[in-house]
Structure formats: C-alpha cells, structure tokens
C-alpha atoms as a PDB file:
ATOM      1  CA  MET A   1     -86.915-170.274-104.208  1.00  0.00           C
ATOM      2  CA  SER A   2     -89.412-171.275-101.521  1.00  0.00           C
ATOM      3  CA  HIS A   3     -93.183-170.919-101.737  1.00  0.00           C
ATOM      4  CA  ASP A   4     -93.086-168.415 -98.910  1.00  0.00           C
ATOM      5  CA  THR A   5     -90.728-166.104-100.750  1.00  0.00           C
ATOM      6  CA  HIS A   6     -92.892-166.208-103.890  1.00  0.00           C
ATOM      7  CA  THR A   7     -96.034-165.671-101.842  1.00  0.00           C
ATOM      8  CA  GLN A   8     -94.527-162.664-100.080  1.00  0.00           C
ATOM      9  CA  ARG A   9     -93.330-161.154-103.346  1.00  0.00           C
ATOM     10  CA  VAL A  10     -96.748-161.614-104.937  1.00  0.00           C
ATOM     11  CA  LEU A  11     -98.400-160.000-101.894  1.00  0.00           C
ATOM     12  CA  ASN A  12     -96.001-157.061-102.072  1.00  0.00           C
ATOM     13  CA  LEU A  13     -96.713-156.641-105.768  1.00  0.00           C
ATOM     14  CA  VAL A  14    -100.491-156.817-105.440  1.00  0.00           C
ATOM     15  CA  ASN A  15    -100.321-154.323-102.563  1.00  0.00           C
ATOM     16  CA  GLN A  16     -98.385-151.977-104.768  1.00  0.00           C
ATOM     17  CA  LYS A  17    -100.478-152.413-107.937  1.00  0.00           C
ATOM     18  CA  GLY A  18    -103.949-153.052-106.525  1.00  0.00           C
ATOM     19  CA  MET A  19    -104.598-155.796-109.096  1.00  0.00           C
ATOM     20  CA  LEU A  20    -102.432-158.443-110.710  1.00  0.00           C
ATOM     21  CA  ARG A  21    -102.415-160.217-114.028  1.00  0.00           C
ATOM     22  CA  PRO A  22    -100.472-163.473-114.502  1.00  0.00           C
ATOM     23  CA  SER A  23     -98.054-161.634-116.816  1.00  0.00           C
ATOM     24  CA  ASP A  24     -97.061-159.312-113.916  1.00  0.00           C
ATOM     25  CA  LEU A  25     -95.347-162.249-112.194  1.00  0.00           C
ATOM     26  CA  ALA A  26     -92.477-162.113-114.693  1.00  0.00           C
ATOM     27  CA  ILE A  27     -91.248-158.939-112.930  1.00  0.00           C
ATOM     28  CA  ILE A  28     -90.705-160.816-109.680  1.00  0.00           C
ATOM     29  CA  GLY A  29     -89.707-164.157-111.212  1.00  0.00           C
ATOM     30  CA  ALA A  30     -92.587-166.109-109.692  1.00  0.00           C
ATOM     31  CA  PRO A  31     -94.322-169.003-111.503  1.00  0.00           C
ATOM     32  CA  ARG A  32     -97.998-168.505-112.413  1.00  0.00           C
ATOM     33  CA  VAL A  33     -99.014-171.518-110.338  1.00  0.00           C
ATOM     34  CA  VAL A  34     -98.427-169.316-107.270  1.00  0.00           C
ATOM     35  CA  LEU A  35    -101.599-167.381-108.190  1.00  0.00           C
ATOM     36  CA  THR A  36    -103.662-170.572-108.269  1.00  0.00           C
ATOM     37  CA  ARG A  37    -102.235-171.689-104.939  1.00  0.00           C
ATOM     38  CA  MET A  38    -102.753-168.305-103.296  1.00  0.00           C
ATOM     39  CA  THR A  39    -106.336-168.126-104.602  1.00  0.00           C
ATOM     40  CA  ALA A  40    -107.073-171.623-103.259  1.00  0.00           C
ATOM     41  CA  SER A  41    -105.709-170.674 -99.831  1.00  0.00           C
ATOM     42  CA  GLY A  42    -107.727-167.438 -99.756  1.00  0.00           C
ATOM     43  CA  LEU A  43    -104.745-165.060 -99.932  1.00  0.00           C
ATOM     44  CA  LEU A  44    -105.882-163.760-103.314  1.00  0.00           C
ATOM     45  CA  GLU A  45    -109.240-163.454-104.991  1.00  0.00           C
ATOM     46  CA  LYS A  46    -109.856-163.920-108.696  1.00  0.00           C
ATOM     47  CA  THR A  47    -112.152-161.128-109.861  1.00  0.00           C
ATOM     48  CA  GLY A  48    -112.313-161.952-113.552  1.00  0.00           C
ATOM     49  CA  ARG A  49    -110.462-163.876-116.207  1.00  0.00           C
ATOM     50  CA  GLY A  50    -106.788-163.309-115.395  1.00  0.00           C
ATOM     51  CA  ILE A  51    -107.299-160.606-112.731  1.00  0.00           C
ATOM     52  CA  TYR A  52    -106.348-161.147-109.099  1.00  0.00           C
ATOM     53  CA  ARG A  53    -106.534-158.909-106.028  1.00  0.00           C
ATOM     54  CA  LEU A  54    -106.410-159.082-102.248  1.00  0.00           C
ATOM     55  CA  PRO A  55    -109.682-160.359-100.742  1.00  0.00           C
ATOM     56  CA  SER A  56    -109.612-157.591 -98.116  1.00  0.00           C
ATOM     57  CA  ASN A  57    -109.686-155.100-100.980  1.00  0.00           C
ATOM     58  CA  GLN A  58    -113.466-155.259-101.171  1.00  0.00           C
ATOM     59  CA  GLY A  59    -114.378-153.736-104.469  1.00  0.00           C
ATOM     60  CA  SER A  60    -114.800-150.009-104.325  1.00  0.00           C
ATOM     61  CA  GLU A  61    -117.340-148.285-106.564  1.00  0.00           C
ATOM     62  CA  PHE A  62    -114.529-148.108-109.125  1.00  0.00           C
ATOM     63  CA  GLU A  63    -113.952-151.845-109.185  1.00  0.00           C
ATOM     64  CA  SER A  64    -115.475-152.404-112.615  1.00  0.00           C
ATOM     65  CA  LEU A  65    -113.417-149.504-114.015  1.00  0.00           C
ATOM     66  CA  THR A  66    -110.160-150.719-112.509  1.00  0.00           C
ATOM     67  CA  THR A  67    -110.819-154.235-113.850  1.00  0.00           C
ATOM     68  CA  ILE A  68    -111.242-152.870-117.378  1.00  0.00           C
ATOM     69  CA  ALA A  69    -108.293-150.468-117.085  1.00  0.00           C
ATOM     70  CA  THR A  70    -106.068-153.382-116.044  1.00  0.00           C
ATOM     71  CA  LYS A  71    -107.187-155.595-118.925  1.00  0.00           C
ATOM     72  CA  VAL A  72    -107.535-152.964-121.652  1.00  0.00           C
ATOM     73  CA  PRO A  73    -104.962-150.223-120.980  1.00  0.00           C
ATOM     74  CA  GLN A  74    -105.886-148.237-124.103  1.00  0.00           C
ATOM     75  CA  ALA A  75    -109.577-147.971-123.126  1.00  0.00           C
ATOM     76  CA  VAL A  76    -110.793-144.489-122.190  1.00  0.00           C
ATOM     77  CA  PHE A  77    -113.955-144.259-120.096  1.00  0.00           C
ATOM     78  CA  CYS A  78    -116.479-142.171-121.981  1.00  0.00           C
ATOM     79  CA  LEU A  79    -120.112-141.100-122.329  1.00  0.00           C
ATOM     80  CA  LEU A  80    -122.379-142.378-119.515  1.00  0.00           C
ATOM     81  CA  THR A  81    -119.517-143.926-117.555  1.00  0.00           C
ATOM     82  CA  ALA A  82    -117.484-140.700-117.701  1.00  0.00           C
ATOM     83  CA  LEU A  83    -120.592-138.683-116.707  1.00  0.00           C
ATOM     84  CA  GLN A  84    -121.106-140.961-113.732  1.00  0.00           C
ATOM     85  CA  PHE A  85    -117.409-140.632-112.836  1.00  0.00           C
ATOM     86  CA  HIS A  86    -117.654-136.815-112.931  1.00  0.00           C
ATOM     87  CA  GLU A  87    -120.970-136.952-110.999  1.00  0.00           C
ATOM     88  CA  LEU A  88    -122.890-135.312-113.826  1.00  0.00           C
ATOM     89  CA  THR A  89    -125.728-137.738-114.354  1.00  0.00           C
ATOM     90  CA  THR A  90    -128.516-139.398-112.452  1.00  0.00           C
ATOM     91  CA  GLN A  91    -128.311-142.347-114.859  1.00  0.00           C
ATOM     92  CA  LEU A  92    -126.707-145.549-113.607  1.00  0.00           C
ATOM     93  CA  PRO A  93    -125.364-147.206-116.726  1.00  0.00           C
ATOM     94  CA  HIS A  94    -125.584-150.997-116.567  1.00  0.00           C
ATOM     95  CA  GLN A  95    -122.653-151.206-118.970  1.00  0.00           C
ATOM     96  CA  VAL A  96    -119.231-149.596-118.772  1.00  0.00           C
ATOM     97  CA  TRP A  97    -118.752-147.288-121.763  1.00  0.00           C
ATOM     98  CA  ILE A  98    -115.268-147.222-123.225  1.00  0.00           C
ATOM     99  CA  ALA A  99    -113.741-145.452-126.212  1.00  0.00           C
ATOM    100  CA  MET A 100    -111.169-147.265-128.327  1.00  0.00           C
ATOM    101  CA  PRO A 101    -109.230-146.171-131.417  1.00  0.00           C
ATOM    102  CA  ARG A 102    -111.040-146.791-134.694  1.00  0.00           C
ATOM    103  CA  GLY A 103    -110.502-150.330-135.961  1.00  0.00           C
ATOM    104  CA  SER A 104    -110.211-151.849-132.465  1.00  0.00           C
ATOM    105  CA  HIS A 105    -111.907-155.106-131.595  1.00  0.00           C
ATOM    106  CA  THR A 106    -114.309-155.180-128.680  1.00  0.00           C
ATOM    107  CA  PRO A 107    -112.312-156.466-125.714  1.00  0.00           C
ATOM    108  CA  LYS A 108    -113.370-159.889-124.422  1.00  0.00           C
ATOM    109  CA  ILE A 109    -114.443-159.122-120.876  1.00  0.00           C
ATOM    110  CA  ASP A 110    -117.075-161.267-119.178  1.00  0.00           C
ATOM    111  CA  CYS A 111    -117.798-158.940-116.335  1.00  0.00           C
ATOM    112  CA  PRO A 112    -118.575-156.041-116.143  1.00  0.00           C
ATOM    113  CA  PRO A 113    -120.492-155.693-119.436  1.00  0.00           C
ATOM    114  CA  VAL A 114    -118.691-153.284-121.754  1.00  0.00           C
ATOM    115  CA  LYS A 115    -120.104-150.996-124.427  1.00  0.00           C
ATOM    116  CA  MET A 116    -117.378-149.945-126.843  1.00  0.00           C
ATOM    117  CA  VAL A 117    -117.492-146.852-129.032  1.00  0.00           C
ATOM    118  CA  GLN A 118    -114.798-146.273-131.661  1.00  0.00           C
ATOM    119  CA  PHE A 119    -113.330-142.779-131.885  1.00  0.00           C
ATOM    120  CA  SER A 120    -110.888-141.608-134.524  1.00  0.00           C
ATOM    121  CA  ASP A 121    -107.745-139.476-134.233  1.00  0.00           C
ATOM    122  CA  GLU A 122    -108.181-136.374-132.093  1.00  0.00           C
ATOM    123  CA  SER A 123    -111.607-137.329-130.834  1.00  0.00           C
ATOM    124  CA  TYR A 124    -109.941-140.394-129.262  1.00  0.00           C
ATOM    125  CA  SER A 125    -106.646-138.870-128.114  1.00  0.00           C
ATOM    126  CA  GLU A 126    -107.724-135.422-126.834  1.00  0.00           C
ATOM    127  CA  GLY A 127    -109.156-134.585-123.418  1.00  0.00           C
ATOM    128  CA  ILE A 128    -108.007-137.679-121.515  1.00  0.00           C
ATOM    129  CA  ASP A 129    -107.620-137.241-117.753  1.00  0.00           C
ATOM    130  CA  LEU A 130    -105.435-139.755-115.907  1.00  0.00           C
ATOM    131  CA  VAL A 131    -106.972-140.499-112.529  1.00  0.00           C
ATOM    132  CA  GLN A 132    -105.714-142.920-109.900  1.00  0.00           C
ATOM    133  CA  ARG A 133    -108.306-145.105-108.145  1.00  0.00           C
ATOM    134  CA  ASP A 134    -107.517-148.159-105.998  1.00  0.00           C
ATOM    135  CA  GLN A 135    -103.862-147.831-107.135  1.00  0.00           C
ATOM    136  CA  ILE A 136    -104.864-148.239-110.794  1.00  0.00           C
ATOM    137  CA  LYS A 137    -104.552-145.469-113.388  1.00  0.00           C
ATOM    138  CA  LEU A 138    -107.853-144.830-115.138  1.00  0.00           C
ATOM    139  CA  ARG A 139    -108.135-142.929-118.403  1.00  0.00           C
ATOM    140  CA  VAL A 140    -111.329-140.893-118.350  1.00  0.00           C
ATOM    141  CA  TYR A 141    -112.388-138.136-120.721  1.00  0.00           C
ATOM    142  CA  SER A 142    -112.550-134.681-119.136  1.00  0.00           C
ATOM    143  CA  VAL A 143    -115.917-133.100-118.380  1.00  0.00           C
ATOM    144  CA  ALA A 144    -115.894-130.839-121.465  1.00  0.00           C
ATOM    145  CA  LYS A 145    -114.818-133.670-123.786  1.00  0.00           C
ATOM    146  CA  THR A 146    -117.453-136.014-122.317  1.00  0.00           C
ATOM    147  CA  ILE A 147    -120.208-133.460-122.889  1.00  0.00           C
ATOM    148  CA  ALA A 148    -119.157-132.953-126.517  1.00  0.00           C
ATOM    149  CA  ASP A 149    -119.115-136.757-126.928  1.00  0.00           C
ATOM    150  CA  CYS A 150    -122.621-136.976-125.455  1.00  0.00           C
ATOM    151  CA  PHE A 151    -123.890-134.522-128.073  1.00  0.00           C
ATOM    152  CA  LYS A 152    -122.099-136.445-130.806  1.00  0.00           C
ATOM    153  CA  HIS A 153    -123.599-139.761-129.641  1.00  0.00           C
ATOM    154  CA  ARG A 154    -126.987-138.319-128.630  1.00  0.00           C
ATOM    155  CA  ASN A 155    -128.735-140.990-130.720  1.00  0.00           C
ATOM    156  CA  LYS A 156    -127.181-143.669-128.510  1.00  0.00           C
ATOM    157  CA  ILE A 157    -127.648-142.051-125.113  1.00  0.00           C
ATOM    158  CA  GLY A 158    -130.394-139.448-125.599  1.00  0.00           C
ATOM    159  CA  LEU A 159    -130.229-135.678-126.062  1.00  0.00           C
ATOM    160  CA  ASP A 160    -131.798-135.188-122.614  1.00  0.00           C
ATOM    161  CA  VAL A 161    -128.754-136.844-121.005  1.00  0.00           C
ATOM    162  CA  ALA A 162    -126.374-134.544-122.919  1.00  0.00           C
ATOM    163  CA  LEU A 163    -128.397-131.451-121.939  1.00  0.00           C
ATOM    164  CA  GLU A 164    -128.610-132.454-118.273  1.00  0.00           C
ATOM    165  CA  ALA A 165    -124.819-132.965-118.224  1.00  0.00           C
ATOM    166  CA  LEU A 166    -124.188-129.619-119.908  1.00  0.00           C
ATOM    167  CA  LYS A 167    -126.427-127.727-117.459  1.00  0.00           C
ATOM    168  CA  ASP A 168    -124.927-129.462-114.404  1.00  0.00           C
ATOM    169  CA  ALA A 169    -121.350-128.953-115.598  1.00  0.00           C
ATOM    170  CA  ARG A 170    -121.952-125.218-116.098  1.00  0.00           C
ATOM    171  CA  ALA A 171    -123.830-124.870-112.778  1.00  0.00           C
ATOM    172  CA  GLN A 172    -121.056-126.705-110.888  1.00  0.00           C
ATOM    173  CA  LYS A 173    -118.335-124.850-112.838  1.00  0.00           C
ATOM    174  CA  LYS A 174    -116.794-128.133-113.957  1.00  0.00           C
ATOM    175  CA  ALA A 175    -116.253-126.981-117.548  1.00  0.00           C
ATOM    176  CA  THR A 176    -115.669-123.571-119.119  1.00  0.00           C
ATOM    177  CA  ASN A 177    -117.377-122.433-122.316  1.00  0.00           C
ATOM    178  CA  ASP A 178    -113.957-122.258-123.984  1.00  0.00           C
ATOM    179  CA  ASP A 179    -113.277-125.900-123.177  1.00  0.00           C
ATOM    180  CA  LEU A 180    -116.732-126.928-124.323  1.00  0.00           C
ATOM    181  CA  TRP A 181    -116.223-125.065-127.630  1.00  0.00           C
ATOM    182  CA  ARG A 182    -112.803-126.626-128.174  1.00  0.00           C
ATOM    183  CA  PHE A 183    -114.184-130.143-127.815  1.00  0.00           C
ATOM    184  CA  ALA A 184    -117.363-129.333-129.738  1.00  0.00           C
ATOM    185  CA  LYS A 185    -115.053-128.535-132.679  1.00  0.00           C
ATOM    186  CA  ILE A 186    -112.823-131.611-132.166  1.00  0.00           C
ATOM    187  CA  CYS A 187    -115.923-133.848-132.010  1.00  0.00           C
ATOM    188  CA  ARG A 188    -117.492-131.948-134.933  1.00  0.00           C
ATOM    189  CA  VAL A 189    -120.660-131.023-133.059  1.00  0.00           C
ATOM    190  CA  ALA A 190    -120.162-127.237-132.818  1.00  0.00           C
ATOM    191  CA  ASN A 191    -123.341-126.563-134.818  1.00  0.00           C
ATOM    192  CA  VAL A 192    -125.381-128.968-132.705  1.00  0.00           C
ATOM    193  CA  MET A 193    -124.081-127.556-129.421  1.00  0.00           C
ATOM    194  CA  ARG A 194    -124.077-123.852-130.315  1.00  0.00           C
ATOM    195  CA  PRO A 195    -127.737-123.074-129.403  1.00  0.00           C
ATOM    196  CA  TYR A 196    -127.469-124.972-126.101  1.00  0.00           C
ATOM    197  CA  LEU A 197    -124.148-123.368-125.184  1.00  0.00           C
ATOM    198  CA  GLU A 198    -125.676-119.944-125.812  1.00  0.00           C
ATOM    199  CA  THR A 199    -128.697-120.643-123.621  1.00  0.00           C
ATOM    200  CA  VAL A 200    -126.758-122.094-120.680  1.00  0.00           C
ATOM    201  CA  GLY A 201    -123.702-119.866-121.154  1.00  0.00           C
END
C-alpha cells in the first residue's frame, strides 16, 4: 500500500478521534513508521509520549485532560480538576487531579503533571459523568460527587475550597441537596458535611 494511502487513512482516523496513539494504527493496517514520517513532515504533531494530533488542532483548554484520558482510560478527573471543569473554583490547579481504583500505579505521564488519588469501590465507580471534549470522552465526577470528595480530601485541598464549591454549586443550582447527601454517604463524609449542608441548604 502506498505512503499516500496510509497518510490519508491516518489523517481520517486522527480527524475522527482527535488524538492518536501508535496502537490505533492497527485498526487501519498502517505501520507505526507512518507517524514518525507524518510528524517530520508537519502533518501531525507529537504532544506527549505516544500521543499524536493534527497541528491545526491547537490545544483547547481541555488539552491536558484529553491527553490523560487518551493515555489512562480508567482515570476519572476529580477534586480540583473536576471543580475547574464544572466552573466551581477560582483555583487554577497546576496539576491534573485524577482518581484511580485502589491499588493502581501512578500513570507515567511527563506532561501535564498528574496528581493521583486512589478511591475504593463505590467512591471510585459512582457519580462519573462522560463528557466529550475535542472528540475525546472524558470521565469527570459529577458536581455533587466532586463536592463530597473535596470534603473527604479536605486535608489535601483545604476546607475553604470545599466550602466555596458547595456554596457556588447550591447558588448556581448545579447540585441538589439529595445528590449531595447521597455522595456524602458514599464518600463517608455525611457527618462532616451535615452542618454545612444545613447552613447552605
């Protein structure tokens, strides 16, 4: 098969997926060397170890999230990163916060810097929203789940951040008290959250 055919197939695939990993080439039967060639000729851009995209696709604000979602499909964006995603914090985290199942190893990602938190059972699997950005599916905890997580991890991120998020979420009607209670119980922080829920409720 000619270079041109491979190149066109790779371009079609990257257009469809938003980002490519070398392993994606198996689907279209193209050799991995095509990626190197296309990067050298400026048709593709390498954005991290084993991640390629179209150069015209200048990174959106979600670029660091889509990079991680492509490399670590089981990662769920949580805590400060989820707050930022839901527009519930003035903080700009310099790391991307991800939740992984208990016992996971920290993923090896050079850029962006990742902060991993391990969650067990329901506190990992419940409250995940699937959101599409730049043609990539992102797994982000819902507003109510994120707020409960912030109370649970208040020692890491600060109680003030959790309180600010709770007040904003209630003011902007982004989370109901019922949802907040449900996740407070799942994350085992019902007693911690109760007084705050009563005052903002």
